[in-house]
Amino acid sequence: MKKFCILILLLAGYSSFGQSRKEAFKFIDSIFHDSACQFEIAEFDFPADIRDILLRFNNSLAANQDWFKQYAAHVPAGQSLPYDERFGITREEYGRIRNMDKVHPALKVVDTQKITILRENGKISFKGEGDGRILDYLEFYIDKNELIFAGDTIPFVPGINTSAAATAYGLSDGYTWRSEKTDAGKTLQAGQLTARVVEIDLGIHGPGNKPLLRIQYQDMENGVNRANLDLAGYIH
């Protein structure tokens, strides 16, 4: 189901909220105040007919990876992909999944991991287990208003442009940090592309007003995927 999440986020557009970096770190400080928390890993719970469309769409893209990489590379960031017959679904079916960002499919908890919260000298870091170990790479410096992921400082997106995540996940009062490094200017060949994308989204989700953390991490070297992760979970 994680691949379906990535597809929906890829198809969605952009939305924004007027939030500041200072407010974001106040929010972080308030939700990670204990010595531990539960990370409830959540996935989209799509209706059966939508799952069938997404499965055929995903299988078609998997069978045409080289074509799709080149096709997607020519679409400006923030714009949804124009329909193509090689998607393996009809134009009408494609319209349905493109509109999923307006439906806000329900999220269901599929696993729960314990996360240890480490606070020291204005720094918040984590020690996780299972899929929650991805949080080990995440560090918040409250005094400096900085977010570090895997050793890199990830810029805060002012105004907050949470891109597709806020829309698809139905986040409110959300915040986004994003870093994108690519050598696309050096080569037009998808098979030679080197790129790294990190996006962290944190906000309030659903009628229960539960904090939701989403981490997207993609790492490609010379056209080969080294990492492709899109993980979301409630902080409880």
Protein backbone atom coordinates (compact mmCIF):
# COMPACT_ATOMS: atom_id res chain seq x y z
CA MET A 1 0.00 0.00 0.00
CA LYS A 2 2.97 2.36 0.47
CA LYS A 3 3.47 2.48 -3.30
CA PHE A 4 -0.15 3.60 -3.66
CA CYS A 5 0.51 6.42 -1.18
CA ILE A 6 3.47 7.60 -3.24
CA LEU A 7 1.38 7.54 -6.42
CA ILE A 8 -1.37 9.66 -4.88
CA LEU A 9 1.17 12.17 -3.59
CA LEU A 10 2.80 12.28 -7.01
CA LEU A 11 -0.52 13.07 -8.68
CA ALA A 12 -1.72 15.69 -6.22
CA GLY A 13 -1.09 19.42 -6.43
CA TYR A 14 0.04 21.90 -3.81
CA SER A 15 -1.66 23.63 -0.88
CA SER A 16 -0.40 26.12 1.66
CA PHE A 17 -0.99 27.32 5.20
CA GLY A 18 0.27 30.51 6.81
CA GLN A 19 2.55 29.14 9.50
CA SER A 20 5.98 30.26 10.66
CA ARG A 21 9.10 28.30 11.51
CA LYS A 22 8.96 29.56 15.11
CA GLU A 23 5.40 28.24 15.49
CA ALA A 24 6.49 24.93 13.97
CA PHE A 25 9.18 24.34 16.58
CA LYS A 26 6.84 25.32 19.39
CA PHE A 27 4.50 22.63 18.10
CA ILE A 28 7.35 20.10 17.96
CA ASP A 29 8.38 20.96 21.52
CA SER A 30 4.82 20.43 22.73
CA ILE A 31 4.22 16.98 21.20
CA PHE A 32 7.61 15.45 22.02
CA HIS A 33 7.65 16.42 25.69
CA ASP A 34 7.70 12.90 27.24
CA SER A 35 10.54 10.37 27.36
CA ALA A 36 8.77 8.05 24.89
CA CYS A 37 5.84 7.89 22.49
CA GLN A 38 3.98 5.42 20.30
CA PHE A 39 4.44 5.78 16.55
CA GLU A 40 1.26 4.39 14.98
CA ILE A 41 2.18 3.67 11.37
CA ALA A 42 -0.75 4.52 9.11
CA GLU A 43 -1.62 3.77 5.49
CA PHE A 44 -4.41 4.89 3.21
CA ASP A 45 -7.48 2.67 3.38
CA PHE A 46 -8.73 2.85 -0.21
CA PRO A 47 -12.11 1.48 -1.37
CA ALA A 48 -11.85 -1.84 -3.24
CA ASP A 49 -12.53 -0.31 -6.68
CA ILE A 50 -9.86 2.35 -6.17
CA ARG A 51 -7.37 -0.29 -5.01
CA ASP A 52 -7.97 -2.19 -8.27
CA ILE A 53 -7.30 0.93 -10.35
CA LEU A 54 -4.17 1.77 -8.37
CA LEU A 55 -2.89 -1.79 -8.67
CA ARG A 56 -3.21 -1.76 -12.47
CA PHE A 57 -1.68 1.72 -12.59
CA ASN A 58 1.24 0.69 -10.38
CA ASN A 59 1.88 -2.53 -12.33
CA SER A 60 1.88 -0.64 -15.62
CA LEU A 61 4.37 1.94 -14.36
CA ALA A 62 6.57 -0.82 -12.94
CA ALA A 63 6.65 -2.47 -16.37
CA ASN A 64 7.56 0.84 -18.05
CA GLN A 65 9.95 2.36 -15.50
CA ASP A 66 12.42 3.89 -17.95
CA TRP A 67 9.66 5.54 -19.96
CA PHE A 68 7.91 6.81 -16.82
CA LYS A 69 11.08 8.36 -15.37
CA GLN A 70 11.61 10.37 -18.54
CA TYR A 71 7.93 11.24 -18.81
CA ALA A 72 7.70 12.49 -15.22
CA ALA A 73 10.99 14.40 -15.50
CA HIS A 74 9.43 16.79 -18.03
CA VAL A 75 6.50 17.74 -15.78
CA PRO A 76 7.15 20.85 -13.64
CA ALA A 77 7.12 20.33 -9.87
CA GLY A 78 3.68 20.84 -8.37
CA GLN A 79 1.79 19.88 -11.52
CA SER A 80 -0.05 16.58 -11.92
CA LEU A 81 0.95 14.23 -14.73
CA PRO A 82 -1.05 14.44 -17.99
CA TYR A 83 -2.86 11.24 -18.92
CA ASP A 84 -1.12 8.66 -21.09
CA GLU A 85 -2.40 5.31 -22.36
CA ARG A 86 0.73 3.63 -20.98
CA PHE A 87 -0.66 4.26 -17.47
CA GLY A 88 -2.63 1.05 -18.02
CA ILE A 89 -5.96 2.57 -16.97
CA THR A 90 -8.65 4.59 -18.73
CA ARG A 91 -8.74 8.36 -18.78
CA GLU A 92 -11.83 8.25 -16.53
CA GLU A 93 -10.10 5.96 -14.03
CA TYR A 94 -7.08 8.26 -14.01
CA GLY A 95 -9.40 11.18 -13.25
CA ARG A 96 -10.72 9.29 -10.23
CA ILE A 97 -7.31 8.73 -8.66
CA ARG A 98 -6.23 12.29 -9.48
CA ASN A 99 -9.20 13.48 -7.44
CA MET A 100 -8.30 11.32 -4.45
CA ASP A 101 -6.61 14.34 -2.86
CA LYS A 102 -10.07 15.94 -2.61
CA VAL A 103 -11.64 12.84 -1.03
CA HIS A 104 -9.08 12.43 1.80
CA PRO A 105 -9.11 8.61 2.00
CA ALA A 106 -9.21 7.26 5.54
CA LEU A 107 -5.99 6.32 7.27
CA LYS A 108 -5.77 3.01 9.10
CA VAL A 109 -3.13 2.06 11.67
CA VAL A 110 -1.21 -1.03 10.49
CA ASP A 111 1.54 -1.20 13.12
CA THR A 112 2.65 0.48 16.34
CA GLN A 113 6.27 1.05 17.36
CA LYS A 114 7.69 2.44 20.58
CA ILE A 115 9.91 5.48 20.10
CA THR A 116 12.29 6.72 22.78
CA ILE A 117 12.52 10.52 22.88
CA LEU A 118 15.93 11.97 23.78
CA ARG A 119 16.08 15.60 24.90
CA GLU A 120 19.42 17.26 25.61
CA ASN A 121 20.61 20.88 25.37
CA GLY A 122 17.71 22.03 23.20
CA LYS A 123 17.97 19.02 20.90
CA ILE A 124 15.24 16.40 20.38
CA SER A 125 16.26 13.09 18.82
CA PHE A 126 14.81 9.59 18.74
CA LYS A 127 15.56 5.91 19.12
CA GLY A 128 13.08 3.68 17.32
CA GLU A 129 12.40 0.07 16.45
CA GLY A 130 11.07 -1.64 13.33
CA ASP A 131 9.96 0.85 10.66
CA GLY A 132 10.15 3.49 13.39
CA ARG A 133 13.94 3.37 13.19
CA ILE A 134 13.73 5.93 10.41
CA LEU A 135 13.16 8.47 13.19
CA ASP A 136 16.73 7.78 14.35
CA TYR A 137 17.83 10.02 11.47
CA LEU A 138 15.60 12.88 12.60
CA GLU A 139 16.80 15.67 14.92
CA PHE A 140 15.08 18.86 16.02
CA TYR A 141 17.12 21.75 17.43
CA ILE A 142 14.49 23.76 19.26
CA ASP A 143 16.70 26.70 20.22
CA LYS A 144 18.07 27.07 16.69
CA ASN A 145 14.77 26.25 14.91
CA GLU A 146 16.60 23.70 12.77
CA LEU A 147 15.67 20.23 11.50
CA ILE A 148 18.38 17.71 10.64
CA PHE A 149 17.72 14.49 8.74
CA ALA A 150 20.51 11.97 8.03
CA GLY A 151 23.09 14.66 8.76
CA ASP A 152 21.62 17.28 6.40
CA THR A 153 19.86 20.49 7.42
CA ILE A 154 16.41 20.41 5.81
CA PRO A 155 15.04 23.89 5.04
CA PHE A 156 11.69 24.94 6.46
CA VAL A 157 9.14 25.77 3.76
CA PRO A 158 7.81 29.22 4.67
CA GLY A 159 4.17 29.96 4.31
CA ILE A 160 3.93 26.43 4.58
CA ASN A 161 3.70 24.76 1.25
CA THR A 162 3.13 21.17 2.30
CA SER A 163 2.88 20.08 -1.32
CA ALA A 164 0.85 16.96 -1.93
CA ALA A 165 1.17 15.58 1.57
CA ALA A 166 -1.07 18.13 3.29
CA THR A 167 -3.82 17.55 0.76
CA ALA A 168 -3.57 13.78 0.47
CA TYR A 169 -3.19 13.16 4.20
CA GLY A 170 -5.73 15.79 5.19
CA LEU A 171 -3.34 17.64 7.48
CA SER A 172 -4.35 20.88 9.16
CA ASP A 173 -2.13 23.31 11.07
CA GLY A 174 0.71 21.62 9.27
CA TYR A 175 4.39 22.34 8.70
CA THR A 176 6.82 21.18 6.04
CA TRP A 177 10.58 20.91 5.66
CA ARG A 178 11.95 19.97 2.25
CA SER A 179 15.30 19.48 0.54
CA GLU A 180 15.81 18.46 -3.07
CA LYS A 181 19.24 17.98 -4.60
CA THR A 182 19.63 16.85 -8.20
CA ASP A 183 22.09 16.95 -11.07
CA ALA A 184 19.27 17.19 -13.63
CA GLY A 185 20.99 20.26 -15.07
CA LYS A 186 23.96 18.10 -16.04
CA THR A 187 22.10 15.29 -17.78
CA LEU A 188 18.77 14.67 -19.46
CA GLN A 189 19.19 10.91 -19.23
CA ALA A 190 16.94 9.42 -16.53
CA GLY A 191 19.27 6.42 -16.27
CA GLN A 192 22.13 8.72 -15.22
CA LEU A 193 20.23 10.96 -12.79
CA THR A 194 21.53 11.44 -9.25
CA ALA A 195 19.05 13.00 -6.83
CA ARG A 196 18.09 13.13 -3.18
CA VAL A 197 14.71 14.29 -1.89
CA VAL A 198 13.76 14.66 1.78
CA GLU A 199 10.39 15.98 2.91
CA ILE A 200 9.14 16.08 6.50
CA ASP A 201 5.48 16.94 7.13
CA LEU A 202 4.05 17.39 10.62
CA GLY A 203 0.56 18.49 11.54
CA ILE A 204 -2.83 17.65 12.99
CA HIS A 205 -4.99 15.01 11.34
CA GLY A 206 -8.63 14.00 11.46
CA PRO A 207 -11.51 14.50 13.87
CA GLY A 208 -9.35 13.14 16.70
CA ASN A 209 -6.85 15.99 16.19
CA LYS A 210 -3.93 13.60 16.46
CA PRO A 211 -0.39 14.70 15.50
CA LEU A 212 0.73 13.01 12.28
CA LEU A 213 4.35 12.80 11.13
CA ARG A 214 5.20 11.91 7.54
CA ILE A 215 8.72 11.28 6.21
CA GLN A 216 9.54 11.00 2.52
CA TYR A 217 13.09 10.01 1.59
CA GLN A 218 14.25 9.26 -1.94
CA ASP A 219 17.86 8.69 -2.94
CA MET A 220 18.90 7.93 -6.53
CA GLU A 221 22.44 7.46 -7.82
CA ASN A 222 23.09 7.27 -11.56
CA GLY A 223 19.48 6.29 -12.17
CA VAL A 224 19.46 3.54 -9.51
CA ASN A 225 17.14 3.90 -6.52
CA ARG A 226 19.12 3.57 -3.29
CA ALA A 227 16.16 4.45 -1.08
CA ASN A 228 12.48 5.13 -1.66
CA LEU A 229 10.53 5.60 1.55
CA ASP A 230 7.21 7.25 2.28
CA LEU A 231 6.14 6.64 5.87
CA ALA A 232 3.43 8.29 7.96
CA GLY A 233 2.37 7.72 11.54
CA TYR A 234 0.42 9.17 14.41
CA ILE A 235 2.36 10.40 17.43
CA HIS A 236 0.61 9.09 20.53
